[in-house]
PDB file of N, CA and C in Angstrom:
ATOM      1  N   UNK A   1     -14.850 -30.103  67.792  1.00  0.00           N
ATOM      2  CA  UNK A   1     -13.702 -30.049  68.894  1.00  0.00           C
ATOM      3  C   UNK A   1     -12.624 -31.036  68.230  1.00  0.00           C
ATOM      4  N   UNK A   2     -13.220 -32.503  67.919  1.00  0.00           N
ATOM      5  CA  UNK A   2     -12.377 -33.526  67.673  1.00  0.00           C
ATOM      6  C   UNK A   2     -11.424 -33.426  66.523  1.00  0.00           C
ATOM      7  N   UNK A   3     -11.861 -32.615  65.591  1.00  0.00           N
ATOM      8  CA  UNK A   3     -11.163 -32.730  64.401  1.00  0.00           C
ATOM      9  C   UNK A   3      -9.959 -31.360  64.865  1.00  0.00           C
ATOM     10  N   UNK A   4     -10.379 -30.599  65.724  1.00  0.00           N
ATOM     11  CA  UNK A   4      -8.910 -29.882  66.216  1.00  0.00           C
ATOM     12  C   UNK A   4      -7.976 -30.490  67.260  1.00  0.00           C
ATOM     13  N   UNK A   5      -8.331 -31.132  68.077  1.00  0.00           N
ATOM     14  CA  UNK A   5      -7.284 -31.976  68.884  1.00  0.00           C
ATOM     15  C   UNK A   5      -7.190 -33.463  68.610  1.00  0.00           C
ATOM     16  N   UNK A   6      -7.972 -34.204  67.702  1.00  0.00           N
ATOM     17  CA  UNK A   6      -7.854 -35.690  67.421  1.00  0.00           C
ATOM     18  C   UNK A   6      -6.782 -36.056  66.770  1.00  0.00           C
ATOM     19  N   UNK A   7      -6.424 -36.960  67.087  1.00  0.00           N
ATOM     20  CA  UNK A   7      -5.406 -37.877  65.977  1.00  0.00           C
ATOM     21  C   UNK A   7      -3.832 -37.463  65.698  1.00  0.00           C
ATOM     22  N   UNK A   8      -3.327 -37.101  64.676  1.00  0.00           N
ATOM     23  CA  UNK A   8      -2.325 -36.593  64.187  1.00  0.00           C
ATOM     24  C   UNK A   8      -2.448 -35.082  64.562  1.00  0.00           C
ATOM     25  N   UNK A   9      -3.737 -34.522  64.438  1.00  0.00           N
ATOM     26  CA  UNK A   9      -3.844 -33.136  64.757  1.00  0.00           C
ATOM     27  C   UNK A   9      -3.189 -32.822  66.136  1.00  0.00           C
ATOM     28  N   UNK A  10      -3.593 -33.332  67.328  1.00  0.00           N
ATOM     29  CA  UNK A  10      -2.989 -33.412  68.382  1.00  0.00           C
ATOM     30  C   UNK A  10      -1.584 -33.435  68.419  1.00  0.00           C
ATOM     31  N   UNK A  11      -0.742 -34.036  67.968  1.00  0.00           N
ATOM     32  CA  UNK A  11       0.594 -34.315  67.850  1.00  0.00           C
ATOM     33  C   UNK A  11       1.191 -32.951  67.284  1.00  0.00           C
ATOM     34  N   UNK A  12       0.369 -32.434  66.248  1.00  0.00           N
ATOM     35  CA  UNK A  12       1.174 -30.992  65.719  1.00  0.00           C
ATOM     36  C   UNK A  12       1.145 -29.927  66.860  1.00  0.00           C
ATOM     37  N   UNK A  13      -0.395 -29.692  67.407  1.00  0.00           N
ATOM     38  CA  UNK A  13      -0.220 -28.899  68.587  1.00  0.00           C
ATOM     39  C   UNK A  13       0.825 -29.175  69.588  1.00  0.00           C
ATOM     40  N   UNK A  14       1.030 -30.409  69.974  1.00  0.00           N
ATOM     41  CA  UNK A  14       2.262 -30.587  71.035  1.00  0.00           C
ATOM     42  C   UNK A  14       3.267 -29.797  70.387  1.00  0.00           C
ATOM     43  N   UNK A  15       3.940 -30.516  69.039  1.00  0.00           N
ATOM     44  CA  UNK A  15       5.063 -30.219  68.585  1.00  0.00           C
ATOM     45  C   UNK A  15       4.895 -28.396  68.491  1.00  0.00           C
ATOM     46  N   UNK A  16       3.974 -27.763  68.078  1.00  0.00           N
ATOM     47  CA  UNK A  16       4.060 -26.162  68.236  1.00  0.00           C
ATOM     48  C   UNK A  16       4.239 -25.972  69.919  1.00  0.00           C
ATOM     49  N   UNK A  17       3.511 -26.545  70.830  1.00  0.00           N
ATOM     50  CA  UNK A  17       4.175 -26.237  72.177  1.00  0.00           C
ATOM     51  C   UNK A  17       5.569 -26.553  72.634  1.00  0.00           C
ATOM     52  N   UNK A  18       5.956 -27.611  71.839  1.00  0.00           N
ATOM     53  CA  UNK A  18       7.753 -28.013  72.177  1.00  0.00           C
ATOM     54  C   UNK A  18       8.731 -26.732  71.475  1.00  0.00           C
ATOM     55  N   UNK A  19       7.953 -26.352  70.342  1.00  0.00           N
ATOM     56  CA  UNK A  19       8.621 -25.369  69.665  1.00  0.00           C
ATOM     57  C   UNK A  19       8.532 -23.842  70.349  1.00  0.00           C
ATOM     58  N   UNK A  20       7.802 -23.582  71.146  1.00  0.00           N
ATOM     59  CA  UNK A  20       7.695 -22.330  71.808  1.00  0.00           C
ATOM     60  C   UNK A  20       8.328 -22.563  73.038  1.00  0.00           C
ATOM     61  N   UNK A  21       8.536 -23.758  73.620  1.00  0.00           N
ATOM     62  CA  UNK A  21       9.330 -24.232  74.980  1.00  0.00           C
ATOM     63  C   UNK A  21      10.530 -23.841  74.625  1.00  0.00           C
ATOM     64  N   UNK A  22      11.181 -24.380  73.139  1.00  0.00           N
ATOM     65  CA  UNK A  22      12.469 -24.307  73.360  1.00  0.00           C
ATOM     66  C   UNK A  22      12.692 -22.672  72.896  1.00  0.00           C
ATOM     67  N   UNK A  23      11.877 -22.056  72.174  1.00  0.00           N
ATOM     68  CA  UNK A  23      12.142 -20.320  71.985  1.00  0.00           C
ATOM     69  C   UNK A  23      12.103 -19.745  73.546  1.00  0.00           C
ATOM     70  N   UNK A  24      11.444 -19.928  74.129  1.00  0.00           N
ATOM     71  CA  UNK A  24      11.343 -19.502  75.407  1.00  0.00           C
ATOM     72  C   UNK A  24      12.662 -19.486  76.033  1.00  0.00           C
ATOM     73  N   UNK A  25      12.981 -20.713  76.538  1.00  0.00           N
ATOM     74  CA  UNK A  25      14.297 -21.208  77.403  1.00  0.00           C
ATOM     75  C   UNK A  25      15.416 -20.724  76.335  1.00  0.00           C
ATOM     76  N   UNK A  26      15.600 -20.885  75.458  1.00  0.00           N
ATOM     77  CA  UNK A  26      16.657 -20.475  74.891  1.00  0.00           C
ATOM     78  C   UNK A  26      16.769 -18.722  74.852  1.00  0.00           C
ATOM     79  N   UNK A  27      15.630 -18.376  74.749  1.00  0.00           N
ATOM     80  CA  UNK A  27      15.704 -16.854  74.896  1.00  0.00           C
ATOM     81  C   UNK A  27      15.895 -16.278  76.370  1.00  0.00           C
ATOM     82  N   UNK A  28      15.636 -17.101  77.263  1.00  0.00           N
ATOM     83  CA  UNK A  28      16.107 -16.926  78.548  1.00  0.00           C
ATOM     84  C   UNK A  28      17.232 -17.213  78.973  1.00  0.00           C
ATOM     85  N   UNK A  29      17.885 -18.048  78.369  1.00  0.00           N
ATOM     86  CA  UNK A  29      19.324 -18.224  78.383  1.00  0.00           C
ATOM     87  C   UNK A  29      20.033 -17.061  77.683  1.00  0.00           C
ATOM     88  N   UNK A  30      19.559 -16.548  76.622  1.00  0.00           N
ATOM     89  CA  UNK A  30      20.469 -15.686  76.064  1.00  0.00           C
ATOM     90  C   UNK A  30      20.250 -13.924  77.191  1.00  0.00           C
ATOM     91  N   UNK A  31      19.416 -14.337  77.480  1.00  0.00           N
ATOM     92  CA  UNK A  31      19.058 -12.939  78.062  1.00  0.00           C
ATOM     93  C   UNK A  31      19.665 -12.735  79.747  1.00  0.00           C
ATOM     94  N   UNK A  32      19.690 -13.904  80.094  1.00  0.00           N
ATOM     95  CA  UNK A  32      20.055 -13.997  81.627  1.00  0.00           C
ATOM     96  C   UNK A  32      21.584 -14.938  81.568  1.00  0.00           C
ATOM     97  N   UNK A  33      21.952 -15.571  81.073  1.00  0.00           N
ATOM     98  CA  UNK A  33      22.966 -16.413  81.196  1.00  0.00           C
ATOM     99  C   UNK A  33      23.028 -17.644  81.727  1.00  0.00           C
ATOM    100  N   UNK A  34      21.382 -17.649  82.452  1.00  0.00           N
ATOM    101  CA  UNK A  34      20.876 -18.866  83.489  1.00  0.00           C
ATOM    102  C   UNK A  34      20.232 -19.952  82.636  1.00  0.00           C
ATOM    103  N   UNK A  35      19.856 -20.846  83.382  1.00  0.00           N
ATOM    104  CA  UNK A  35      18.975 -22.041  82.654  1.00  0.00           C
ATOM    105  C   UNK A  35      19.747 -23.214  82.140  1.00  0.00           C
ATOM    106  N   UNK A  36      18.925 -23.772  81.331  1.00  0.00           N
ATOM    107  CA  UNK A  36      19.580 -24.924  80.476  1.00  0.00           C
ATOM    108  C   UNK A  36      20.474 -24.583  79.368  1.00  0.00           C
ATOM    109  N   UNK A  37      21.389 -25.451  79.550  1.00  0.00           N
ATOM    110  CA  UNK A  37      22.607 -25.384  78.216  1.00  0.00           C
ATOM    111  C   UNK A  37      22.008 -25.605  77.211  1.00  0.00           C
ATOM    112  N   UNK A  38      22.456 -24.807  75.864  1.00  0.00           N
ATOM    113  CA  UNK A  38      21.282 -25.010  74.801  1.00  0.00           C
ATOM    114  C   UNK A  38      21.828 -26.290  74.079  1.00  0.00           C
ATOM    115  N   UNK A  39      23.096 -26.768  74.282  1.00  0.00           N
ATOM    116  CA  UNK A  39      23.356 -28.111  73.515  1.00  0.00           C
ATOM    117  C   UNK A  39      22.472 -29.207  74.494  1.00  0.00           C
ATOM    118  N   UNK A  40      22.276 -29.388  75.781  1.00  0.00           N
ATOM    119  CA  UNK A  40      21.426 -30.120  76.768  1.00  0.00           C
ATOM    120  C   UNK A  40      20.044 -30.083  76.173  1.00  0.00           C
ATOM    121  N   UNK A  41      19.364 -28.687  76.255  1.00  0.00           N
ATOM    122  CA  UNK A  41      18.207 -28.535  75.758  1.00  0.00           C
ATOM    123  C   UNK A  41      17.646 -28.887  74.470  1.00  0.00           C
ATOM    124  N   UNK A  42      18.412 -28.877  73.332  1.00  0.00           N
ATOM    125  CA  UNK A  42      18.326 -28.990  72.115  1.00  0.00           C
ATOM    126  C   UNK A  42      18.220 -30.879  71.879  1.00  0.00           C
ATOM    127  N   UNK A  43      19.637 -31.299  72.238  1.00  0.00           N
ATOM    128  CA  UNK A  43      19.313 -32.891  72.376  1.00  0.00           C
ATOM    129  C   UNK A  43      18.161 -33.456  72.762  1.00  0.00           C
ATOM    130  N   UNK A  44      17.660 -32.669  74.220  1.00  0.00           N
ATOM    131  CA  UNK A  44      16.580 -33.172  74.787  1.00  0.00           C
ATOM    132  C   UNK A  44      15.291 -33.334  74.172  1.00  0.00           C
ATOM    133  N   UNK A  45      15.033 -31.983  73.498  1.00  0.00           N
ATOM    134  CA  UNK A  45      13.746 -31.744  72.906  1.00  0.00           C
ATOM    135  C   UNK A  45      13.547 -32.466  71.614  1.00  0.00           C
ATOM    136  N   UNK A  46      14.842 -32.434  70.759  1.00  0.00           N
ATOM    137  CA  UNK A  46      15.038 -33.366  69.566  1.00  0.00           C
ATOM    138  C   UNK A  46      14.748 -34.618  69.686  1.00  0.00           C
ATOM    139  N   UNK A  47      14.979 -35.488  70.805  1.00  0.00           N
ATOM    140  CA  UNK A  47      14.955 -36.891  71.190  1.00  0.00           C
ATOM    141  C   UNK A  47      13.208 -36.970  71.118  1.00  0.00           C
ATOM    142  N   UNK A  48      12.387 -35.988  71.904  1.00  0.00           N
ATOM    143  CA  UNK A  48      10.856 -36.263  72.400  1.00  0.00           C
ATOM    144  C   UNK A  48      10.132 -35.488  70.848  1.00  0.00           C
ATOM    145  N   UNK A  49      10.995 -34.600  70.175  1.00  0.00           N
ATOM    146  CA  UNK A  49      10.121 -34.373  68.764  1.00  0.00           C
ATOM    147  C   UNK A  49      10.035 -35.744  68.220  1.00  0.00           C
ATOM    148  N   UNK A  50      11.642 -36.553  68.016  1.00  0.00           N
ATOM    149  CA  UNK A  50      11.417 -37.233  66.821  1.00  0.00           C
ATOM    150  C   UNK A  50      10.409 -38.119  67.450  1.00  0.00           C
ATOM    151  N   UNK A  51      10.252 -38.630  68.633  1.00  0.00           N
ATOM    152  CA  UNK A  51       9.340 -39.714  69.163  1.00  0.00           C
ATOM    153  C   UNK A  51       8.004 -39.530  69.062  1.00  0.00           C
ATOM    154  N   UNK A  52       7.647 -37.727  69.022  1.00  0.00           N
ATOM    155  CA  UNK A  52       6.422 -37.237  68.765  1.00  0.00           C
ATOM    156  C   UNK A  52       6.276 -37.559  66.968  1.00  0.00           C
ATOM    157  N   UNK A  53       7.186 -37.570  66.326  1.00  0.00           N
ATOM    158  CA  UNK A  53       6.765 -37.665  64.778  1.00  0.00           C
ATOM    159  C   UNK A  53       6.763 -39.120  64.575  1.00  0.00           C
ATOM    160  N   UNK A  54       7.476 -40.068  65.706  1.00  0.00           N
ATOM    161  CA  UNK A  54       7.175 -41.431  65.112  1.00  0.00           C
ATOM    162  C   UNK A  54       5.194 -41.664  65.426  1.00  0.00           C
ATOM    163  N   UNK A  55       5.049 -41.138  66.486  1.00  0.00           N
ATOM    164  CA  UNK A  55       3.441 -41.184  66.886  1.00  0.00           C
ATOM    165  C   UNK A  55       2.597 -40.768  65.617  1.00  0.00           C
ATOM    166  N   UNK A  56       2.905 -39.563  65.264  1.00  0.00           N
ATOM    167  CA  UNK A  56       2.431 -38.985  64.090  1.00  0.00           C
ATOM    168  C   UNK A  56       2.409 -39.782  62.864  1.00  0.00           C
ATOM    169  N   UNK A  57       3.477 -40.215  62.760  1.00  0.00           N
ATOM    170  CA  UNK A  57       3.498 -41.242  61.291  1.00  0.00           C
ATOM    171  C   UNK A  57       2.782 -42.544  61.607  1.00  0.00           C
ATOM    172  N   UNK A  58       3.015 -43.054  62.867  1.00  0.00           N
ATOM    173  CA  UNK A  58       1.997 -44.356  62.872  1.00  0.00           C
ATOM    174  C   UNK A  58       0.430 -44.084  62.812  1.00  0.00           C
ATOM    175  N   UNK A  59       0.146 -42.785  63.285  1.00  0.00           N
ATOM    176  CA  UNK A  59      -1.345 -42.480  63.063  1.00  0.00           C
ATOM    177  C   UNK A  59      -1.568 -42.201  61.901  1.00  0.00           C
ATOM    178  N   UNK A  60      -0.739 -41.411  60.950  1.00  0.00           N
ATOM    179  CA  UNK A  60      -1.177 -41.372  59.624  1.00  0.00           C
ATOM    180  C   UNK A  60      -0.807 -42.228  58.523  1.00  0.00           C
ATOM    181  N   UNK A  61      -0.141 -43.468  59.173  1.00  0.00           N
ATOM    182  CA  UNK A  61      -0.182 -44.796  57.938  1.00  0.00           C
ATOM    183  C   UNK A  61       1.401 -44.210  57.308  1.00  0.00           C
ATOM    184  N   UNK A  62       2.531 -43.467  57.862  1.00  0.00           N
ATOM    185  CA  UNK A  62       3.738 -43.590  57.474  1.00  0.00           C
ATOM    186  C   UNK A  62       4.464 -45.203  57.305  1.00  0.00           C
ATOM    187  N   UNK A  63       5.396 -45.295  56.240  1.00  0.00           N
ATOM    188  CA  UNK A  63       5.750 -46.590  56.028  1.00  0.00           C
ATOM    189  C   UNK A  63       6.788 -46.843  57.015  1.00  0.00           C
ATOM    190  N   UNK A  64       7.046 -47.979  57.172  1.00  0.00           N
ATOM    191  CA  UNK A  64       8.002 -48.597  58.423  1.00  0.00           C
ATOM    192  C   UNK A  64       9.498 -48.272  58.081  1.00  0.00           C
ATOM    193  N   UNK A  65       9.993 -47.936  57.038  1.00  0.00           N
ATOM    194  CA  UNK A  65      11.045 -47.441  56.833  1.00  0.00           C
ATOM    195  C   UNK A  65      11.071 -46.216  57.274  1.00  0.00           C
ATOM    196  N   UNK A  66      10.217 -45.118  57.171  1.00  0.00           N
ATOM    197  CA  UNK A  66      10.194 -43.609  57.813  1.00  0.00           C
ATOM    198  C   UNK A  66      10.325 -43.760  59.284  1.00  0.00           C
ATOM    199  N   UNK A  67       9.435 -44.877  59.601  1.00  0.00           N
ATOM    200  CA  UNK A  67       9.230 -44.759  60.877  1.00  0.00           C
ATOM    201  C   UNK A  67      10.235 -45.601  61.698  1.00  0.00           C
ATOM    202  N   UNK A  68      11.454 -46.249  61.213  1.00  0.00           N
ATOM    203  CA  UNK A  68      12.421 -46.950  61.562  1.00  0.00           C
ATOM    204  C   UNK A  68      13.564 -45.582  61.754  1.00  0.00           C
ATOM    205  N   UNK A  69      13.637 -45.177  60.602  1.00  0.00           N
ATOM    206  CA  UNK A  69      14.399 -43.911  60.335  1.00  0.00           C
ATOM    207  C   UNK A  69      14.302 -42.813  61.564  1.00  0.00           C
ATOM    208  N   UNK A  70      13.148 -42.351  61.626  1.00  0.00           N
ATOM    209  CA  UNK A  70      12.947 -41.584  62.828  1.00  0.00           C
ATOM    210  C   UNK A  70      13.219 -41.955  64.213  1.00  0.00           C
ATOM    211  N   UNK A  71      12.641 -43.527  64.420  1.00  0.00           N
ATOM    212  CA  UNK A  71      13.232 -44.164  65.708  1.00  0.00           C
ATOM    213  C   UNK A  71      15.090 -44.203  65.882  1.00  0.00           C
ATOM    214  N   UNK A  72      15.545 -44.377  64.729  1.00  0.00           N
ATOM    215  CA  UNK A  72      17.078 -44.452  64.965  1.00  0.00           C
ATOM    216  C   UNK A  72      17.389 -43.181  65.167  1.00  0.00           C
ATOM    217  N   UNK A  73      16.932 -42.079  64.584  1.00  0.00           N
ATOM    218  CA  UNK A  73      17.309 -40.467  65.108  1.00  0.00           C
ATOM    219  C   UNK A  73      17.049 -40.390  66.461  1.00  0.00           C
ATOM    220  N   UNK A  74      15.809 -40.411  67.028  1.00  0.00           N
ATOM    221  CA  UNK A  74      15.338 -40.697  68.384  1.00  0.00           C
ATOM    222  C   UNK A  74      16.675 -41.030  69.280  1.00  0.00           C
ATOM    223  N   UNK A  75      16.786 -42.290  68.823  1.00  0.00           N
ATOM    224  CA  UNK A  75      17.940 -42.777  69.711  1.00  0.00           C
ATOM    225  C   UNK A  75      19.304 -41.994  69.884  1.00  0.00           C
ATOM    226  N   UNK A  76      19.747 -41.366  68.541  1.00  0.00           N
ATOM    227  CA  UNK A  76      21.002 -40.960  68.320  1.00  0.00           C
ATOM    228  C   UNK A  76      20.832 -39.645  69.118  1.00  0.00           C
ATOM    229  N   UNK A  77      19.766 -38.974  69.097  1.00  0.00           N
ATOM    230  CA  UNK A  77      19.380 -37.808  69.933  1.00  0.00           C
ATOM    231  C   UNK A  77      19.311 -38.092  71.584  1.00  0.00           C
ATOM    232  N   UNK A  78      18.917 -39.140  71.940  1.00  0.00           N
ATOM    233  CA  UNK A  78      18.759 -39.502  72.954  1.00  0.00           C
ATOM    234  C   UNK A  78      20.428 -39.897  73.421  1.00  0.00           C
ATOM    235  N   UNK A  79      21.227 -40.369  73.055  1.00  0.00           N
ATOM    236  CA  UNK A  79      22.457 -40.856  73.501  1.00  0.00           C
ATOM    237  C   UNK A  79      23.038 -39.517  73.514  1.00  0.00           C
ATOM    238  N   UNK A  80      22.962 -38.692  72.688  1.00  0.00           N
ATOM    239  CA  UNK A  80      23.757 -37.040  72.693  1.00  0.00           C
ATOM    240  C   UNK A  80      23.160 -36.725  73.785  1.00  0.00           C
ATOM    241  N   UNK A  81      21.965 -36.917  74.167  1.00  0.00           N
ATOM    242  CA  UNK A  81      21.414 -35.893  75.224  1.00  0.00           C
ATOM    243  C   UNK A  81      22.190 -36.399  76.698  1.00  0.00           C
ATOM    244  N   UNK A  82      22.502 -37.749  76.651  1.00  0.00           N
ATOM    245  CA  UNK A  82      23.189 -38.450  77.928  1.00  0.00           C
ATOM    246  C   UNK A  82      24.758 -38.335  77.741  1.00  0.00           C
ATOM    247  N   UNK A  83      25.341 -37.939  76.647  1.00  0.00           N
ATOM    248  CA  UNK A  83      26.560 -37.595  76.694  1.00  0.00           C
ATOM    249  C   UNK A  83      26.677 -35.846  76.961  1.00  0.00           C
ATOM    250  N   UNK A  84      25.574 -35.393  76.830  1.00  0.00           N
ATOM    251  CA  UNK A  84      25.994 -33.840  77.112  1.00  0.00           C
ATOM    252  C   UNK A  84      25.818 -33.894  78.590  1.00  0.00           C
ATOM    253  N   UNK A  85      24.587 -34.188  78.920  1.00  0.00           N
ATOM    254  CA  UNK A  85      24.478 -34.517  80.738  1.00  0.00           C
ATOM    255  C   UNK A  85      25.592 -35.071  81.277  1.00  0.00           C
ATOM    256  N   UNK A  86      26.058 -36.176  80.628  1.00  0.00           N
ATOM    257  CA  UNK A  86      26.972 -36.855  81.515  1.00  0.00           C
ATOM    258  C   UNK A  86      28.483 -36.143  81.593  1.00  0.00           C
ATOM    259  N   UNK A  87      28.639 -35.232  80.424  1.00  0.00           N
ATOM    260  CA  UNK A  87      29.816 -34.502  80.542  1.00  0.00           C
ATOM    261  C   UNK A  87      29.808 -33.111  81.534  1.00  0.00           C
ATOM    262  N   UNK A  88      28.542 -32.681  81.901  1.00  0.00           N
ATOM    263  CA  UNK A  88      28.002 -31.692  82.600  1.00  0.00           C
ATOM    264  C   UNK A  88      28.357 -32.238  83.979  1.00  0.00           C
ATOM    265  N   UNK A  89      28.181 -33.293  84.357  1.00  0.00           N
ATOM    266  CA  UNK A  89      28.282 -33.945  85.351  1.00  0.00           C
ATOM    267  C   UNK A  89      29.656 -34.204  86.237  1.00  0.00           C
ATOM    268  N   UNK A  90      30.661 -34.037  85.403  1.00  0.00           N
ATOM    269  CA  UNK A  90      31.870 -34.525  85.394  1.00  0.00           C
ATOM    270  C   UNK A  90      32.885 -33.491  86.178  1.00  0.00           C
TER     271      UNK A  90
END
């Protein structure tokens, strides 16, 4: 059981769940026209996915250059999410 959920494998399972979440929420939006706007959803989930990839990279011994790049991309996704939300409140 440890092999199935331990270490980087746990992050893989979480990433799969995030992908399923995105598909379900976007599908709901397409069918009903209700729910989270796609731009906001994608920006928000992207920031989270990138942070999960940083954790996975740390657990698997990725280089600091790759980890730094992923963190920079996560920051950009976070700022994009804030910009989309800020415009939605205006």
